[in-house]
Amino acid sequence: MGASMKKILLLTALSGSLLSGCYSTQINMSMGNMRLITSSASPQDVMDFASKTCKSDFYEGASLLSKAGKEYRFKCV
């Protein structure tokens, strides 16, 4: 493997970890203004993610309804 190929792989790995923050966060359900998010990130990071998600759907933010393990239920407000 050449040096340029190693640089490309390193950049790809770095950008991937920066985007995910080394945690997996995903929306499992989006129905109306409800969001079910599964994440291994810190609760504050999940709240920030939910707020950004709701704002991108033209809401003002997110309100946490419940947390069970790695599942968070939010209501967009």
N, C-alpha and C. Protein backbone atom coordinates (compact mmCIF):
# COMPACT_ATOMS: atom_id res chain seq x y z
N MET A 1 0.86 -1.19 0.00
CA MET A 1 0.00 0.00 0.00
C MET A 1 0.90 1.24 0.00
N GLY A 2 0.64 2.15 -0.91
CA GLY A 2 1.44 3.37 -1.01
C GLY A 2 1.10 4.36 0.09
N ALA A 3 1.95 5.35 0.23
CA ALA A 3 1.74 6.38 1.26
C ALA A 3 0.46 7.15 1.01
N SER A 4 0.15 7.41 -0.26
CA SER A 4 -1.07 8.18 -0.55
C SER A 4 -2.32 7.39 -0.17
N MET A 5 -2.28 6.08 -0.36
CA MET A 5 -3.43 5.25 0.00
C MET A 5 -3.61 5.24 1.52
N LYS A 6 -2.52 5.20 2.26
CA LYS A 6 -2.61 5.24 3.73
C LYS A 6 -3.21 6.56 4.20
N LYS A 7 -2.83 7.65 3.55
CA LYS A 7 -3.38 8.97 3.92
C LYS A 7 -4.88 9.01 3.68
N ILE A 8 -5.32 8.46 2.56
CA ILE A 8 -6.76 8.45 2.24
C ILE A 8 -7.52 7.64 3.28
N LEU A 9 -6.99 6.47 3.63
CA LEU A 9 -7.66 5.64 4.63
C LEU A 9 -7.70 6.34 5.99
N LEU A 10 -6.61 6.99 6.36
CA LEU A 10 -6.55 7.71 7.63
C LEU A 10 -7.57 8.85 7.66
N LEU A 11 -7.63 9.61 6.57
CA LEU A 11 -8.58 10.72 6.50
C LEU A 11 -10.01 10.20 6.57
N THR A 12 -10.28 9.09 5.89
CA THR A 12 -11.63 8.51 5.92
C THR A 12 -11.98 8.06 7.33
N ALA A 13 -11.05 7.42 8.00
CA ALA A 13 -11.29 6.96 9.37
C ALA A 13 -11.51 8.14 10.31
N LEU A 14 -10.71 9.19 10.16
CA LEU A 14 -10.85 10.36 11.02
C LEU A 14 -12.17 11.07 10.81
N SER A 15 -12.55 11.28 9.56
CA SER A 15 -13.80 12.00 9.30
C SER A 15 -14.99 11.18 9.77
N GLY A 16 -14.92 9.86 9.65
CA GLY A 16 -16.02 9.01 10.12
C GLY A 16 -16.18 9.08 11.62
N SER A 17 -15.05 9.09 12.35
CA SER A 17 -15.16 9.13 13.81
C SER A 17 -15.56 10.51 14.29
N LEU A 18 -15.19 11.56 13.55
CA LEU A 18 -15.60 12.91 13.95
C LEU A 18 -17.10 13.09 13.76
N LEU A 19 -17.63 12.53 12.70
CA LEU A 19 -19.06 12.67 12.44
C LEU A 19 -19.89 11.93 13.48
N SER A 20 -19.48 10.73 13.85
CA SER A 20 -20.27 9.93 14.78
C SER A 20 -19.90 10.21 16.23
N GLY A 21 -18.74 10.85 16.46
CA GLY A 21 -18.32 11.09 17.82
C GLY A 21 -18.00 9.79 18.55
N CYS A 22 -17.69 8.74 17.82
CA CYS A 22 -17.37 7.42 18.36
C CYS A 22 -18.58 6.77 19.05
N TYR A 23 -19.74 7.29 18.86
CA TYR A 23 -20.96 6.71 19.42
C TYR A 23 -21.93 6.41 18.28
N SER A 24 -22.81 5.46 18.52
CA SER A 24 -23.84 5.22 17.52
C SER A 24 -25.13 5.88 18.00
N THR A 25 -25.66 6.74 17.18
CA THR A 25 -26.92 7.42 17.48
C THR A 25 -27.79 7.32 16.24
N GLN A 26 -28.98 6.80 16.38
CA GLN A 26 -29.86 6.70 15.22
C GLN A 26 -31.30 6.89 15.63
N ILE A 27 -32.07 7.40 14.69
CA ILE A 27 -33.51 7.56 14.92
C ILE A 27 -34.18 6.26 14.52
N ASN A 28 -34.87 5.62 15.45
CA ASN A 28 -35.55 4.36 15.16
C ASN A 28 -36.97 4.59 14.69
N MET A 29 -37.58 5.68 15.14
CA MET A 29 -38.95 5.95 14.75
C MET A 29 -39.16 7.45 14.70
N SER A 30 -39.86 7.88 13.69
CA SER A 30 -40.23 9.28 13.56
C SER A 30 -41.67 9.32 13.10
N MET A 31 -42.57 9.63 14.03
CA MET A 31 -44.00 9.64 13.70
C MET A 31 -44.61 10.92 14.24
N GLY A 32 -45.07 11.78 13.35
CA GLY A 32 -45.60 13.06 13.79
C GLY A 32 -44.50 13.85 14.45
N ASN A 33 -44.73 14.26 15.70
CA ASN A 33 -43.69 15.01 16.42
C ASN A 33 -42.94 14.13 17.42
N MET A 34 -43.12 12.82 17.35
CA MET A 34 -42.44 11.89 18.26
C MET A 34 -41.19 11.33 17.60
N ARG A 35 -40.12 11.17 18.39
CA ARG A 35 -38.87 10.59 17.90
C ARG A 35 -38.39 9.55 18.90
N LEU A 36 -38.07 8.36 18.41
CA LEU A 36 -37.46 7.33 19.23
C LEU A 36 -36.02 7.22 18.77
N ILE A 37 -35.08 7.52 19.65
CA ILE A 37 -33.66 7.56 19.31
C ILE A 37 -32.92 6.53 20.17
N THR A 38 -32.11 5.71 19.52
CA THR A 38 -31.26 4.76 20.23
C THR A 38 -29.84 5.28 20.14
N SER A 39 -29.17 5.38 21.30
CA SER A 39 -27.83 5.94 21.31
C SER A 39 -27.02 5.44 22.50
N SER A 40 -25.71 5.32 22.27
CA SER A 40 -24.79 4.99 23.36
C SER A 40 -24.03 6.23 23.81
N ALA A 41 -24.40 7.39 23.27
CA ALA A 41 -23.74 8.65 23.64
C ALA A 41 -24.27 9.14 24.99
N SER A 42 -23.67 10.22 25.48
CA SER A 42 -24.11 10.78 26.75
C SER A 42 -25.51 11.39 26.58
N PRO A 43 -26.30 11.45 27.65
CA PRO A 43 -27.65 12.02 27.54
C PRO A 43 -27.65 13.44 26.96
N GLN A 44 -26.65 14.26 27.29
CA GLN A 44 -26.61 15.62 26.75
C GLN A 44 -26.40 15.61 25.25
N ASP A 45 -25.53 14.70 24.77
CA ASP A 45 -25.30 14.58 23.33
C ASP A 45 -26.55 14.12 22.60
N VAL A 46 -27.29 13.21 23.23
CA VAL A 46 -28.54 12.73 22.63
C VAL A 46 -29.56 13.86 22.58
N MET A 47 -29.62 14.65 23.65
CA MET A 47 -30.55 15.79 23.69
C MET A 47 -30.20 16.79 22.59
N ASP A 48 -28.91 17.07 22.41
CA ASP A 48 -28.47 17.98 21.34
C ASP A 48 -28.84 17.43 19.98
N PHE A 49 -28.64 16.12 19.79
CA PHE A 49 -28.99 15.48 18.52
C PHE A 49 -30.49 15.59 18.25
N ALA A 50 -31.30 15.32 19.29
CA ALA A 50 -32.75 15.38 19.14
C ALA A 50 -33.20 16.81 18.83
N SER A 51 -32.59 17.78 19.48
CA SER A 51 -32.95 19.19 19.23
C SER A 51 -32.64 19.57 17.79
N LYS A 52 -31.46 19.16 17.30
CA LYS A 52 -31.09 19.47 15.91
C LYS A 52 -32.04 18.78 14.94
N THR A 53 -32.40 17.53 15.25
CA THR A 53 -33.31 16.79 14.39
C THR A 53 -34.67 17.46 14.33
N CYS A 54 -35.18 17.87 15.47
CA CYS A 54 -36.50 18.53 15.51
C CYS A 54 -36.44 19.89 14.80
N LYS A 55 -35.35 20.63 15.02
CA LYS A 55 -35.22 21.94 14.36
C LYS A 55 -35.17 21.79 12.85
N SER A 56 -34.55 20.70 12.37
CA SER A 56 -34.49 20.48 10.92
C SER A 56 -35.88 20.13 10.36
N ASP A 57 -36.80 19.74 11.24
CA ASP A 57 -38.18 19.47 10.84
C ASP A 57 -39.10 20.64 11.20
N PHE A 58 -38.52 21.83 11.40
CA PHE A 58 -39.24 23.09 11.62
C PHE A 58 -39.94 23.18 12.97
N TYR A 59 -39.43 22.46 13.98
CA TYR A 59 -39.89 22.63 15.36
C TYR A 59 -38.88 23.52 16.08
N GLU A 60 -39.21 23.95 17.29
CA GLU A 60 -38.31 24.81 18.05
C GLU A 60 -37.25 24.02 18.81
N GLY A 61 -37.55 22.78 19.14
CA GLY A 61 -36.60 21.96 19.88
C GLY A 61 -37.23 20.63 20.26
N ALA A 62 -36.60 19.95 21.21
CA ALA A 62 -37.07 18.63 21.64
C ALA A 62 -37.27 18.59 23.14
N SER A 63 -38.24 17.79 23.56
CA SER A 63 -38.52 17.59 24.97
C SER A 63 -38.42 16.10 25.27
N LEU A 64 -37.58 15.73 26.25
CA LEU A 64 -37.41 14.32 26.60
C LEU A 64 -38.65 13.80 27.31
N LEU A 65 -39.18 12.69 26.80
CA LEU A 65 -40.34 12.07 27.43
C LEU A 65 -39.93 10.94 28.36
N SER A 66 -39.04 10.07 27.87
CA SER A 66 -38.59 8.95 28.70
C SER A 66 -37.27 8.39 28.20
N LYS A 67 -36.61 7.65 29.08
CA LYS A 67 -35.36 6.99 28.74
C LYS A 67 -35.41 5.59 29.31
N ALA A 68 -35.10 4.60 28.46
CA ALA A 68 -35.04 3.21 28.91
C ALA A 68 -33.79 2.59 28.29
N GLY A 69 -32.77 2.41 29.10
CA GLY A 69 -31.51 1.88 28.58
C GLY A 69 -30.89 2.85 27.60
N LYS A 70 -30.74 2.41 26.34
CA LYS A 70 -30.17 3.26 25.30
C LYS A 70 -31.25 3.90 24.44
N GLU A 71 -32.52 3.71 24.80
CA GLU A 71 -33.61 4.28 24.02
C GLU A 71 -34.15 5.55 24.68
N TYR A 72 -34.25 6.58 23.88
CA TYR A 72 -34.77 7.87 24.36
C TYR A 72 -36.01 8.22 23.54
N ARG A 73 -37.06 8.65 24.20
CA ARG A 73 -38.27 9.11 23.50
C ARG A 73 -38.36 10.62 23.65
N PHE A 74 -38.47 11.28 22.52
CA PHE A 74 -38.55 12.74 22.50
C PHE A 74 -39.83 13.17 21.81
N LYS A 75 -40.28 14.36 22.20
CA LYS A 75 -41.39 15.02 21.53
C LYS A 75 -40.86 16.31 20.99
N CYS A 76 -41.02 16.54 19.69
CA CYS A 76 -40.61 17.81 19.11
C CYS A 76 -41.63 18.87 19.48
N VAL A 77 -41.14 20.02 19.93
CA VAL A 77 -42.04 21.10 20.37
C VAL A 77 -41.77 22.36 19.57
